[in-house]
Amino acid sequence: MLDDKQCPDCKRINEVLSRVGDRWSVLVVISLAQYGTMRFNEIKRNLGISQRMLSLTLKELERDGLVNRTQYPTIPPKVEYNLTQMGQSFREPVSALGYWALEHLSEIDAAREAYDRSD
């Protein structure tokens, strides 16, 4: 039977990768890894992300234990984000992915152009 051969951990791996592997999560982690503690609007400006998408992304990263959210009782409220210890451990694979993308941008652009011309 096919079910007997399914990867027993693949469903859980898929759940984790769908969260930490989406583009905004990767970019938030890269930004926090590079700049350290940041306020919401700093991250928003840095990434060019909508307020709603950043809010959702940060909440999920916090839920998964990758990001700390610290709120200070000031007026106006001050909220800062930084990577947790587990988030710090995620820096290396995320940075490798980011550097790979930068290194291959021109090749990817050329491949896309060639593909689009062939349609």
PDB file of N, CA and C in Angstrom:
ATOM      1  N   MET A   1       0.826  -1.195   0.000  1.00  0.00           N
ATOM      2  CA  MET A   1       0.000   0.000   0.000  1.00  0.00           C
ATOM      3  C   MET A   1       0.863   1.250   0.000  1.00  0.00           C
ATOM      4  N   LEU A   2       0.393   2.268  -0.649  1.00  0.00           N
ATOM      5  CA  LEU A   2       1.122   3.531  -0.728  1.00  0.00           C
ATOM      6  C   LEU A   2       1.244   4.201   0.641  1.00  0.00           C
ATOM      7  N   ASP A   3       0.207   4.110   1.463  1.00  0.00           N
ATOM      8  CA  ASP A   3       0.230   4.754   2.780  1.00  0.00           C
ATOM      9  C   ASP A   3       1.345   4.212   3.668  1.00  0.00           C
ATOM     10  N   ASP A   4       1.685   2.940   3.523  1.00  0.00           N
ATOM     11  CA  ASP A   4       2.745   2.345   4.337  1.00  0.00           C
ATOM     12  C   ASP A   4       4.112   2.949   4.031  1.00  0.00           C
ATOM     13  N   LYS A   5       4.257   3.546   2.852  1.00  0.00           N
ATOM     14  CA  LYS A   5       5.557   4.058   2.436  1.00  0.00           C
ATOM     15  C   LYS A   5       5.667   5.576   2.593  1.00  0.00           C
ATOM     16  N   GLN A   6       4.622   6.210   3.085  1.00  0.00           N
ATOM     17  CA  GLN A   6       4.677   7.657   3.255  1.00  0.00           C
ATOM     18  C   GLN A   6       5.676   8.025   4.343  1.00  0.00           C
ATOM     19  N   CYS A   7       6.308   9.123   4.129  1.00  0.00           N
ATOM     20  CA  CYS A   7       7.264   9.658   5.109  1.00  0.00           C
ATOM     21  C   CYS A   7       6.491  10.045   6.364  1.00  0.00           C
ATOM     22  N   PRO A   8       6.789   9.426   7.488  1.00  0.00           N
ATOM     23  CA  PRO A   8       6.015   9.714   8.698  1.00  0.00           C
ATOM     24  C   PRO A   8       6.188  11.143   9.209  1.00  0.00           C
ATOM     25  N   ASP A   9       7.308  11.764   8.924  1.00  0.00           N
ATOM     26  CA  ASP A   9       7.550  13.125   9.408  1.00  0.00           C
ATOM     27  C   ASP A   9       7.320  14.188   8.332  1.00  0.00           C
ATOM     28  N   CYS A  10       6.994  13.783   7.125  1.00  0.00           N
ATOM     29  CA  CYS A  10       6.865  14.740   6.026  1.00  0.00           C
ATOM     30  C   CYS A  10       5.753  15.762   6.264  1.00  0.00           C
ATOM     31  N   LYS A  11       4.668  15.343   6.854  1.00  0.00           N
ATOM     32  CA  LYS A  11       3.574  16.284   7.116  1.00  0.00           C
ATOM     33  C   LYS A  11       4.038  17.381   8.064  1.00  0.00           C
ATOM     34  N   ARG A  12       4.734  17.005   9.126  1.00  0.00           N
ATOM     35  CA  ARG A  12       5.239  17.993  10.093  1.00  0.00           C
ATOM     36  C   ARG A  12       6.310  18.886   9.461  1.00  0.00           C
ATOM     37  N   ILE A  13       7.191  18.270   8.669  1.00  0.00           N
ATOM     38  CA  ILE A  13       8.225  19.046   7.982  1.00  0.00           C
ATOM     39  C   ILE A  13       7.564  20.060   7.051  1.00  0.00           C
ATOM     40  N   ASN A  14       6.542  19.629   6.330  1.00  0.00           N
ATOM     41  CA  ASN A  14       5.815  20.512   5.424  1.00  0.00           C
ATOM     42  C   ASN A  14       5.189  21.676   6.183  1.00  0.00           C
ATOM     43  N   GLU A  15       4.619  21.405   7.355  1.00  0.00           N
ATOM     44  CA  GLU A  15       4.022  22.468   8.168  1.00  0.00           C
ATOM     45  C   GLU A  15       5.061  23.512   8.565  1.00  0.00           C
ATOM     46  N   VAL A  16       6.211  23.043   8.988  1.00  0.00           N
ATOM     47  CA  VAL A  16       7.270  23.970   9.412  1.00  0.00           C
ATOM     48  C   VAL A  16       7.798  24.749   8.217  1.00  0.00           C
ATOM     49  N   LEU A  17       8.094  24.065   7.118  1.00  0.00           N
ATOM     50  CA  LEU A  17       8.659  24.739   5.955  1.00  0.00           C
ATOM     51  C   LEU A  17       7.678  25.710   5.314  1.00  0.00           C
ATOM     52  N   SER A  18       6.384  25.406   5.385  1.00  0.00           N
ATOM     53  CA  SER A  18       5.423  26.336   4.801  1.00  0.00           C
ATOM     54  C   SER A  18       5.425  27.657   5.560  1.00  0.00           C
ATOM     55  N   ARG A  19       5.751  27.634   6.840  1.00  0.00           N
ATOM     56  CA  ARG A  19       5.828  28.876   7.619  1.00  0.00           C
ATOM     57  C   ARG A  19       7.178  29.544   7.455  1.00  0.00           C
ATOM     58  N   VAL A  20       8.230  28.842   7.783  1.00  0.00           N
ATOM     59  CA  VAL A  20       9.547  29.484   7.796  1.00  0.00           C
ATOM     60  C   VAL A  20      10.135  29.615   6.401  1.00  0.00           C
ATOM     61  N   GLY A  21       9.529  28.976   5.418  1.00  0.00           N
ATOM     62  CA  GLY A  21      10.066  29.024   4.068  1.00  0.00           C
ATOM     63  C   GLY A  21       9.370  30.017   3.160  1.00  0.00           C
ATOM     64  N   ASP A  22       8.330  30.698   3.657  1.00  0.00           N
ATOM     65  CA  ASP A  22       7.681  31.667   2.778  1.00  0.00           C
ATOM     66  C   ASP A  22       8.559  32.904   2.644  1.00  0.00           C
ATOM     67  N   ARG A  23       8.370  33.624   1.573  1.00  0.00           N
ATOM     68  CA  ARG A  23       9.305  34.710   1.249  1.00  0.00           C
ATOM     69  C   ARG A  23       9.376  35.785   2.312  1.00  0.00           C
ATOM     70  N   TRP A  24       8.243  36.181   2.907  1.00  0.00           N
ATOM     71  CA  TRP A  24       8.292  37.255   3.884  1.00  0.00           C
ATOM     72  C   TRP A  24       8.966  36.812   5.169  1.00  0.00           C
ATOM     73  N   SER A  25       8.721  35.580   5.586  1.00  0.00           N
ATOM     74  CA  SER A  25       9.387  35.077   6.796  1.00  0.00           C
ATOM     75  C   SER A  25      10.894  35.055   6.608  1.00  0.00           C
ATOM     76  N   VAL A  26      11.322  34.579   5.458  1.00  0.00           N
ATOM     77  CA  VAL A  26      12.758  34.530   5.161  1.00  0.00           C
ATOM     78  C   VAL A  26      13.344  35.936   5.183  1.00  0.00           C
ATOM     79  N   LEU A  27      12.662  36.891   4.566  1.00  0.00           N
ATOM     80  CA  LEU A  27      13.179  38.260   4.518  1.00  0.00           C
ATOM     81  C   LEU A  27      13.177  38.931   5.892  1.00  0.00           C
ATOM     82  N   VAL A  28      12.165  38.651   6.706  1.00  0.00           N
ATOM     83  CA  VAL A  28      12.142  39.199   8.065  1.00  0.00           C
ATOM     84  C   VAL A  28      13.307  38.639   8.873  1.00  0.00           C
ATOM     85  N   VAL A  29      13.529  37.338   8.776  1.00  0.00           N
ATOM     86  CA  VAL A  29      14.634  36.724   9.520  1.00  0.00           C
ATOM     87  C   VAL A  29      15.975  37.284   9.041  1.00  0.00           C
ATOM     88  N   ILE A  30      16.148  37.430   7.740  1.00  0.00           N
ATOM     89  CA  ILE A  30      17.388  38.007   7.216  1.00  0.00           C
ATOM     90  C   ILE A  30      17.581  39.426   7.741  1.00  0.00           C
ATOM     91  N   SER A  31      16.519  40.230   7.753  1.00  0.00           N
ATOM     92  CA  SER A  31      16.624  41.616   8.246  1.00  0.00           C
ATOM     93  C   SER A  31      16.985  41.660   9.719  1.00  0.00           C
ATOM     94  N   LEU A  32      16.299  40.853  10.529  1.00  0.00           N
ATOM     95  CA  LEU A  32      16.600  40.846  11.957  1.00  0.00           C
ATOM     96  C   LEU A  32      17.993  40.292  12.231  1.00  0.00           C
ATOM     97  N   ALA A  33      18.424  39.338  11.419  1.00  0.00           N
ATOM     98  CA  ALA A  33      19.782  38.790  11.577  1.00  0.00           C
ATOM     99  C   ALA A  33      20.820  39.854  11.239  1.00  0.00           C
ATOM    100  N   GLN A  34      20.534  40.655  10.226  1.00  0.00           N
ATOM    101  CA  GLN A  34      21.503  41.668   9.791  1.00  0.00           C
ATOM    102  C   GLN A  34      21.504  42.900  10.683  1.00  0.00           C
ATOM    103  N   TYR A  35      20.327  43.368  11.088  1.00  0.00           N
ATOM    104  CA  TYR A  35      20.234  44.640  11.806  1.00  0.00           C
ATOM    105  C   TYR A  35      19.971  44.503  13.304  1.00  0.00           C
ATOM    106  N   GLY A  36      19.685  43.297  13.783  1.00  0.00           N
ATOM    107  CA  GLY A  36      19.403  43.103  15.206  1.00  0.00           C
ATOM    108  C   GLY A  36      17.989  43.515  15.548  1.00  0.00           C
ATOM    109  N   THR A  37      17.805  44.053  16.722  1.00  0.00           N
ATOM    110  CA  THR A  37      16.479  44.469  17.180  1.00  0.00           C
ATOM    111  C   THR A  37      15.953  45.607  16.319  1.00  0.00           C
ATOM    112  N   MET A  38      14.695  45.446  15.883  1.00  0.00           N
ATOM    113  CA  MET A  38      14.086  46.453  15.008  1.00  0.00           C
ATOM    114  C   MET A  38      12.650  46.713  15.448  1.00  0.00           C
ATOM    115  N   ARG A  39      12.198  47.924  15.184  1.00  0.00           N
ATOM    116  CA  ARG A  39      10.797  48.263  15.407  1.00  0.00           C
ATOM    117  C   ARG A  39       9.995  47.889  14.170  1.00  0.00           C
ATOM    118  N   PHE A  40       8.692  47.758  14.350  1.00  0.00           N
ATOM    119  CA  PHE A  40       7.791  47.325  13.285  1.00  0.00           C
ATOM    120  C   PHE A  40       7.985  48.152  12.013  1.00  0.00           C
ATOM    121  N   ASN A  41       7.928  49.486  12.156  1.00  0.00           N
ATOM    122  CA  ASN A  41       8.029  50.341  10.966  1.00  0.00           C
ATOM    123  C   ASN A  41       9.405  50.283  10.312  1.00  0.00           C
ATOM    124  N   GLU A  42      10.435  49.995  11.071  1.00  0.00           N
ATOM    125  CA  GLU A  42      11.764  49.820  10.481  1.00  0.00           C
ATOM    126  C   GLU A  42      11.774  48.593   9.574  1.00  0.00           C
ATOM    127  N   ILE A  43      11.193  47.513  10.054  1.00  0.00           N
ATOM    128  CA  ILE A  43      11.125  46.292   9.237  1.00  0.00           C
ATOM    129  C   ILE A  43      10.273  46.555   8.002  1.00  0.00           C
ATOM    130  N   LYS A  44       9.150  47.215   8.202  1.00  0.00           N
ATOM    131  CA  LYS A  44       8.224  47.523   7.099  1.00  0.00           C
ATOM    132  C   LYS A  44       8.919  48.332   6.001  1.00  0.00           C
ATOM    133  N   ARG A  45       9.622  49.373   6.409  1.00  0.00           N
ATOM    134  CA  ARG A  45      10.353  50.210   5.438  1.00  0.00           C
ATOM    135  C   ARG A  45      11.476  49.434   4.760  1.00  0.00           C
ATOM    136  N   ASN A  46      12.191  48.652   5.544  1.00  0.00           N
ATOM    137  CA  ASN A  46      13.325  47.897   5.032  1.00  0.00           C
ATOM    138  C   ASN A  46      12.904  46.904   3.950  1.00  0.00           C
ATOM    139  N   LEU A  47      11.750  46.271   4.146  1.00  0.00           N
ATOM    140  CA  LEU A  47      11.318  45.221   3.225  1.00  0.00           C
ATOM    141  C   LEU A  47      10.329  45.681   2.169  1.00  0.00           C
ATOM    142  N   GLY A  48       9.683  46.814   2.378  1.00  0.00           N
ATOM    143  CA  GLY A  48       8.650  47.240   1.435  1.00  0.00           C
ATOM    144  C   GLY A  48       7.442  46.324   1.495  1.00  0.00           C
ATOM    145  N   ILE A  49       7.084  45.864   2.673  1.00  0.00           N
ATOM    146  CA  ILE A  49       5.996  44.927   2.907  1.00  0.00           C
ATOM    147  C   ILE A  49       4.791  45.699   3.447  1.00  0.00           C
ATOM    148  N   SER A  50       3.600  45.218   3.169  1.00  0.00           N
ATOM    149  CA  SER A  50       2.409  45.877   3.691  1.00  0.00           C
ATOM    150  C   SER A  50       2.322  45.672   5.204  1.00  0.00           C
ATOM    151  N   GLN A  51       1.618  46.581   5.856  1.00  0.00           N
ATOM    152  CA  GLN A  51       1.463  46.496   7.307  1.00  0.00           C
ATOM    153  C   GLN A  51       0.772  45.197   7.695  1.00  0.00           C
ATOM    154  N   ARG A  52      -0.271  44.839   6.969  1.00  0.00           N
ATOM    155  CA  ARG A  52      -1.023  43.619   7.277  1.00  0.00           C
ATOM    156  C   ARG A  52      -0.156  42.369   7.137  1.00  0.00           C
ATOM    157  N   MET A  53       0.588  42.276   6.039  1.00  0.00           N
ATOM    158  CA  MET A  53       1.417  41.098   5.801  1.00  0.00           C
ATOM    159  C   MET A  53       2.540  41.002   6.823  1.00  0.00           C
ATOM    160  N   LEU A  54       3.135  42.137   7.183  1.00  0.00           N
ATOM    161  CA  LEU A  54       4.194  42.113   8.183  1.00  0.00           C
ATOM    162  C   LEU A  54       3.642  41.688   9.537  1.00  0.00           C
ATOM    163  N   SER A  55       2.487  42.202   9.886  1.00  0.00           N
ATOM    164  CA  SER A  55       1.871  41.833  11.158  1.00  0.00           C
ATOM    165  C   SER A  55       1.604  40.329  11.216  1.00  0.00           C
ATOM    166  N   LEU A  56       1.035  39.781  10.159  1.00  0.00           N
ATOM    167  CA  LEU A  56       0.769  38.333  10.100  1.00  0.00           C
ATOM    168  C   LEU A  56       2.062  37.526  10.176  1.00  0.00           C
ATOM    169  N   THR A  57       3.068  37.952   9.440  1.00  0.00           N
ATOM    170  CA  THR A  57       4.345  37.245   9.396  1.00  0.00           C
ATOM    171  C   THR A  57       5.018  37.250  10.761  1.00  0.00           C
ATOM    172  N   LEU A  58       5.048  38.410  11.401  1.00  0.00           N
ATOM    173  CA  LEU A  58       5.685  38.506  12.719  1.00  0.00           C
ATOM    174  C   LEU A  58       4.950  37.660  13.756  1.00  0.00           C
ATOM    175  N   LYS A  59       3.624  37.655  13.702  1.00  0.00           N
ATOM    176  CA  LYS A  59       2.848  36.838  14.644  1.00  0.00           C
ATOM    177  C   LYS A  59       3.158  35.358  14.466  1.00  0.00           C
ATOM    178  N   GLU A  60       3.255  34.908  13.229  1.00  0.00           N
ATOM    179  CA  GLU A  60       3.558  33.494  12.978  1.00  0.00           C
ATOM    180  C   GLU A  60       4.986  33.147  13.381  1.00  0.00           C
ATOM    181  N   LEU A  61       5.915  34.035  13.116  1.00  0.00           N
ATOM    182  CA  LEU A  61       7.302  33.796  13.525  1.00  0.00           C
ATOM    183  C   LEU A  61       7.424  33.782  15.046  1.00  0.00           C
ATOM    184  N   GLU A  62       6.661  34.639  15.702  1.00  0.00           N
ATOM    185  CA  GLU A  62       6.646  34.637  17.167  1.00  0.00           C
ATOM    186  C   GLU A  62       6.014  33.345  17.683  1.00  0.00           C
ATOM    187  N   ARG A  63       4.922  32.932  17.060  1.00  0.00           N
ATOM    188  CA  ARG A  63       4.244  31.694  17.450  1.00  0.00           C
ATOM    189  C   ARG A  63       5.166  30.485  17.306  1.00  0.00           C
ATOM    190  N   ASP A  64       5.971  30.476  16.246  1.00  0.00           N
ATOM    191  CA  ASP A  64       6.892  29.368  15.992  1.00  0.00           C
ATOM    192  C   ASP A  64       8.170  29.452  16.827  1.00  0.00           C
ATOM    193  N   GLY A  65       8.305  30.506  17.616  1.00  0.00           N
ATOM    194  CA  GLY A  65       9.454  30.620  18.501  1.00  0.00           C
ATOM    195  C   GLY A  65      10.708  31.175  17.861  1.00  0.00           C
ATOM    196  N   LEU A  66      10.572  31.835  16.719  1.00  0.00           N
ATOM    197  CA  LEU A  66      11.741  32.373  16.026  1.00  0.00           C
ATOM    198  C   LEU A  66      11.987  33.850  16.320  1.00  0.00           C
ATOM    199  N   VAL A  67      10.933  34.551  16.729  1.00  0.00           N
ATOM    200  CA  VAL A  67      11.020  35.991  16.951  1.00  0.00           C
ATOM    201  C   VAL A  67      10.466  36.337  18.334  1.00  0.00           C
ATOM    202  N   ASN A  68      11.159  37.243  19.018  1.00  0.00           N
ATOM    203  CA  ASN A  68      10.676  37.828  20.271  1.00  0.00           C
ATOM    204  C   ASN A  68       9.985  39.141  19.959  1.00  0.00           C
ATOM    205  N   ARG A  69       8.896  39.394  20.648  1.00  0.00           N
ATOM    206  CA  ARG A  69       8.201  40.682  20.556  1.00  0.00           C
ATOM    207  C   ARG A  69       8.238  41.296  21.947  1.00  0.00           C
ATOM    208  N   THR A  70       8.790  42.509  22.036  1.00  0.00           N
ATOM    209  CA  THR A  70       8.864  43.202  23.315  1.00  0.00           C
ATOM    210  C   THR A  70       8.093  44.501  23.202  1.00  0.00           C
ATOM    211  N   GLN A  71       7.081  44.651  24.048  1.00  0.00           N
ATOM    212  CA  GLN A  71       6.269  45.864  24.053  1.00  0.00           C
ATOM    213  C   GLN A  71       6.603  46.672  25.301  1.00  0.00           C
ATOM    214  N   TYR A  72       6.857  47.960  25.103  1.00  0.00           N
ATOM    215  CA  TYR A  72       7.194  48.861  26.197  1.00  0.00           C
ATOM    216  C   TYR A  72       5.986  49.743  26.514  1.00  0.00           C
ATOM    217  N   PRO A  73       5.718  49.967  27.801  1.00  0.00           N
ATOM    218  CA  PRO A  73       4.540  50.750  28.194  1.00  0.00           C
ATOM    219  C   PRO A  73       4.783  52.252  28.069  1.00  0.00           C
ATOM    220  N   THR A  74       4.922  52.700  26.850  1.00  0.00           N
ATOM    221  CA  THR A  74       5.146  54.117  26.594  1.00  0.00           C
ATOM    222  C   THR A  74       4.008  54.652  25.733  1.00  0.00           C
ATOM    223  N   ILE A  75       3.951  55.962  25.616  1.00  0.00           N
ATOM    224  CA  ILE A  75       2.970  56.587  24.731  1.00  0.00           C
ATOM    225  C   ILE A  75       3.758  57.415  23.736  1.00  0.00           C
ATOM    226  N   PRO A  76       3.688  57.134  22.443  1.00  0.00           N
ATOM    227  CA  PRO A  76       2.979  55.993  21.853  1.00  0.00           C
ATOM    228  C   PRO A  76       3.671  54.678  22.206  1.00  0.00           C
ATOM    229  N   PRO A  77       2.942  53.560  22.067  1.00  0.00           N
ATOM    230  CA  PRO A  77       3.532  52.261  22.404  1.00  0.00           C
ATOM    231  C   PRO A  77       4.776  51.983  21.552  1.00  0.00           C
ATOM    232  N   LYS A  78       5.753  51.398  22.183  1.00  0.00           N
ATOM    233  CA  LYS A  78       6.990  51.022  21.485  1.00  0.00           C
ATOM    234  C   LYS A  78       7.080  49.501  21.494  1.00  0.00           C
ATOM    235  N   VAL A  79       7.210  48.919  20.308  1.00  0.00           N
ATOM    236  CA  VAL A  79       7.310  47.467  20.174  1.00  0.00           C
ATOM    237  C   VAL A  79       8.545  47.156  19.349  1.00  0.00           C
ATOM    238  N   GLU A  80       9.355  46.238  19.854  1.00  0.00           N
ATOM    239  CA  GLU A  80      10.573  45.835  19.158  1.00  0.00           C
ATOM    240  C   GLU A  80      10.561  44.338  18.915  1.00  0.00           C
ATOM    241  N   TYR A  81      11.246  43.946  17.855  1.00  0.00           N
ATOM    242  CA  TYR A  81      11.344  42.535  17.473  1.00  0.00           C
ATOM    243  C   TYR A  81      12.815  42.166  17.329  1.00  0.00           C
ATOM    244  N   ASN A  82      13.142  40.957  17.756  1.00  0.00           N
ATOM    245  CA  ASN A  82      14.472  40.410  17.520  1.00  0.00           C
ATOM    246  C   ASN A  82      14.364  38.894  17.424  1.00  0.00           C
ATOM    247  N   LEU A  83      15.442  38.268  17.003  1.00  0.00           N
ATOM    248  CA  LEU A  83      15.445  36.817  16.856  1.00  0.00           C
ATOM    249  C   LEU A  83      15.641  36.141  18.204  1.00  0.00           C
ATOM    250  N   THR A  84      14.921  35.057  18.417  1.00  0.00           N
ATOM    251  CA  THR A  84      15.142  34.220  19.589  1.00  0.00           C
ATOM    252  C   THR A  84      16.404  33.396  19.353  1.00  0.00           C
ATOM    253  N   GLN A  85      16.755  32.583  20.324  1.00  0.00           N
ATOM    254  CA  GLN A  85      17.904  31.698  20.148  1.00  0.00           C
ATOM    255  C   GLN A  85      17.661  30.754  18.967  1.00  0.00           C
ATOM    256  N   MET A  86      16.441  30.229  18.861  1.00  0.00           N
ATOM    257  CA  MET A  86      16.141  29.348  17.723  1.00  0.00           C
ATOM    258  C   MET A  86      16.164  30.143  16.419  1.00  0.00           C
ATOM    259  N   GLY A  87      15.677  31.383  16.470  1.00  0.00           N
ATOM    260  CA  GLY A  87      15.741  32.242  15.291  1.00  0.00           C
ATOM    261  C   GLY A  87      17.170  32.496  14.865  1.00  0.00           C
ATOM    262  N   GLN A  88      18.058  32.685  15.845  1.00  0.00           N
ATOM    263  CA  GLN A  88      19.482  32.868  15.540  1.00  0.00           C
ATOM    264  C   GLN A  88      20.044  31.627  14.845  1.00  0.00           C
ATOM    265  N   SER A  89      19.603  30.444  15.282  1.00  0.00           N
ATOM    266  CA  SER A  89      20.096  29.210  14.665  1.00  0.00           C
ATOM    267  C   SER A  89      19.600  29.062  13.228  1.00  0.00           C
ATOM    268  N   PHE A  90      18.546  29.797  12.897  1.00  0.00           N
ATOM    269  CA  PHE A  90      17.964  29.767  11.545  1.00  0.00           C
ATOM    270  C   PHE A  90      18.683  30.737  10.610  1.00  0.00           C
ATOM    271  N   ARG A  91      19.542  31.586  11.160  1.00  0.00           N
ATOM    272  CA  ARG A  91      20.264  32.581  10.351  1.00  0.00           C
ATOM    273  C   ARG A  91      21.081  31.952   9.236  1.00  0.00           C
ATOM    274  N   GLU A  92      21.848  30.926   9.576  1.00  0.00           N
ATOM    275  CA  GLU A  92      22.756  30.334   8.589  1.00  0.00           C
ATOM    276  C   GLU A  92      22.020  29.776   7.369  1.00  0.00           C
ATOM    277  N   PRO A  93      21.015  28.894   7.550  1.00  0.00           N
ATOM    278  CA  PRO A  93      20.339  28.385   6.358  1.00  0.00           C
ATOM    279  C   PRO A  93      19.591  29.468   5.585  1.00  0.00           C
ATOM    280  N   VAL A  94      19.003  30.435   6.289  1.00  0.00           N
ATOM    281  CA  VAL A  94      18.282  31.511   5.604  1.00  0.00           C
ATOM    282  C   VAL A  94      19.258  32.405   4.853  1.00  0.00           C
ATOM    283  N   SER A  95      20.383  32.724   5.471  1.00  0.00           N
ATOM    284  CA  SER A  95      21.391  33.546   4.795  1.00  0.00           C
ATOM    285  C   SER A  95      21.941  32.832   3.567  1.00  0.00           C
ATOM    286  N   ALA A  96      22.159  31.537   3.690  1.00  0.00           N
ATOM    287  CA  ALA A  96      22.640  30.765   2.539  1.00  0.00           C
ATOM    288  C   ALA A  96      21.650  30.845   1.388  1.00  0.00           C
ATOM    289  N   LEU A  97      20.368  30.743   1.708  1.00  0.00           N
ATOM    290  CA  LEU A  97      19.326  30.847   0.681  1.00  0.00           C
ATOM    291  C   LEU A  97      19.325  32.241   0.049  1.00  0.00           C
ATOM    292  N   GLY A  98      19.428  33.270   0.884  1.00  0.00           N
ATOM    293  CA  GLY A  98      19.468  34.640   0.376  1.00  0.00           C
ATOM    294  C   GLY A  98      20.683  34.896  -0.499  1.00  0.00           C
ATOM    295  N   TYR A  99      21.852  34.440  -0.064  1.00  0.00           N
ATOM    296  CA  TYR A  99      23.067  34.617  -0.869  1.00  0.00           C
ATOM    297  C   TYR A  99      22.987  33.836  -2.177  1.00  0.00           C
ATOM    298  N   TRP A 100      22.400  32.644  -2.123  1.00  0.00           N
ATOM    299  CA  TRP A 100      22.224  31.863  -3.352  1.00  0.00           C
ATOM    300  C   TRP A 100      21.369  32.650  -4.338  1.00  0.00           C
ATOM    301  N   ALA A 101      20.264  33.226  -3.850  1.00  0.00           N
ATOM    302  CA  ALA A 101      19.376  34.000  -4.728  1.00  0.00           C
ATOM    303  C   ALA A 101      20.122  35.190  -5.340  1.00  0.00           C
ATOM    304  N   LEU A 102      20.882  35.920  -4.531  1.00  0.00           N
ATOM    305  CA  LEU A 102      21.640  37.060  -5.046  1.00  0.00           C
ATOM    306  C   LEU A 102      22.670  36.632  -6.081  1.00  0.00           C
ATOM    307  N   GLU A 103      23.342  35.529  -5.796  1.00  0.00           N
ATOM    308  CA  GLU A 103      24.387  35.037  -6.689  1.00  0.00           C
ATOM    309  C   GLU A 103      23.838  34.611  -8.049  1.00  0.00           C
ATOM    310  N   HIS A 104      22.605  34.143  -8.075  1.00  0.00           N
ATOM    311  CA  HIS A 104      22.045  33.593  -9.306  1.00  0.00           C
ATOM    312  C   HIS A 104      20.967  34.471  -9.953  1.00  0.00           C
ATOM    313  N   LEU A 105      20.827  35.712  -9.494  1.00  0.00           N
ATOM    314  CA  LEU A 105      19.788  36.587 -10.045  1.00  0.00           C
ATOM    315  C   LEU A 105      19.878  36.742 -11.556  1.00  0.00           C
ATOM    316  N   SER A 106      21.061  37.010 -12.073  1.00  0.00           N
ATOM    317  CA  SER A 106      21.185  37.238 -13.520  1.00  0.00           C
ATOM    318  C   SER A 106      20.866  35.970 -14.310  1.00  0.00           C
ATOM    319  N   GLU A 107      21.272  34.822 -13.786  1.00  0.00           N
ATOM    320  CA  GLU A 107      20.956  33.560 -14.459  1.00  0.00           C
ATOM    321  C   GLU A 107      19.457  33.281 -14.437  1.00  0.00           C
ATOM    322  N   ILE A 108      18.830  33.567 -13.315  1.00  0.00           N
ATOM    323  CA  ILE A 108      17.383  33.373 -13.203  1.00  0.00           C
ATOM    324  C   ILE A 108      16.652  34.312 -14.151  1.00  0.00           C
ATOM    325  N   ASP A 109      17.082  35.581 -14.201  1.00  0.00           N
ATOM    326  CA  ASP A 109      16.471  36.541 -15.120  1.00  0.00           C
ATOM    327  C   ASP A 109      16.608  36.068 -16.567  1.00  0.00           C
ATOM    328  N   ALA A 110      17.790  35.587 -16.938  1.00  0.00           N
ATOM    329  CA  ALA A 110      18.014  35.102 -18.307  1.00  0.00           C
ATOM    330  C   ALA A 110      17.145  33.884 -18.598  1.00  0.00           C
ATOM    331  N   ALA A 111      17.036  32.972 -17.655  1.00  0.00           N
ATOM    332  CA  ALA A 111      16.204  31.780 -17.848  1.00  0.00           C
ATOM    333  C   ALA A 111      14.737  32.167 -18.003  1.00  0.00           C
ATOM    334  N   ARG A 112      14.280  33.132 -17.223  1.00  0.00           N
ATOM    335  CA  ARG A 112      12.885  33.589 -17.329  1.00  0.00           C
ATOM    336  C   ARG A 112      12.617  34.235 -18.682  1.00  0.00           C
ATOM    337  N   GLU A 113      13.551  35.077 -19.123  1.00  0.00           N
ATOM    338  CA  GLU A 113      13.389  35.711 -20.419  1.00  0.00           C
ATOM    339  C   GLU A 113      13.327  34.682 -21.540  1.00  0.00           C
ATOM    340  N   ALA A 114      14.220  33.711 -21.491  1.00  0.00           N
ATOM    341  CA  ALA A 114      14.240  32.648 -22.509  1.00  0.00           C
ATOM    342  C   ALA A 114      12.935  31.858 -22.479  1.00  0.00           C
ATOM    343  N   TYR A 115      12.470  31.542 -21.305  1.00  0.00           N
ATOM    344  CA  TYR A 115      11.223  30.783 -21.168  1.00  0.00           C
ATOM    345  C   TYR A 115      10.049  31.599 -21.713  1.00  0.00           C
ATOM    346  N   ASP A 116       9.982  32.893 -21.353  1.00  0.00           N
ATOM    347  CA  ASP A 116       8.881  33.742 -21.798  1.00  0.00           C
ATOM    348  C   ASP A 116       8.887  33.927 -23.311  1.00  0.00           C
ATOM    349  N   ARG A 117      10.076  33.967 -23.913  1.00  0.00           N
ATOM    350  CA  ARG A 117      10.174  34.098 -25.378  1.00  0.00           C
ATOM    351  C   ARG A 117       9.705  32.836 -26.075  1.00  0.00           C
ATOM    352  N   SER A 118       9.832  31.694 -25.437  1.00  0.00           N
ATOM    353  CA  SER A 118       9.496  30.428 -26.086  1.00  0.00           C
ATOM    354  C   SER A 118       7.994  30.149 -26.084  1.00  0.00           C
ATOM    355  N   ASP A 119       7.227  30.925 -25.335  1.00  0.00           N
ATOM    356  CA  ASP A 119       5.763  30.719 -25.304  1.00  0.00           C
ATOM    357  C   ASP A 119       5.086  31.251 -26.516  1.00  0.00           C
TER     358      ASP A 119
END
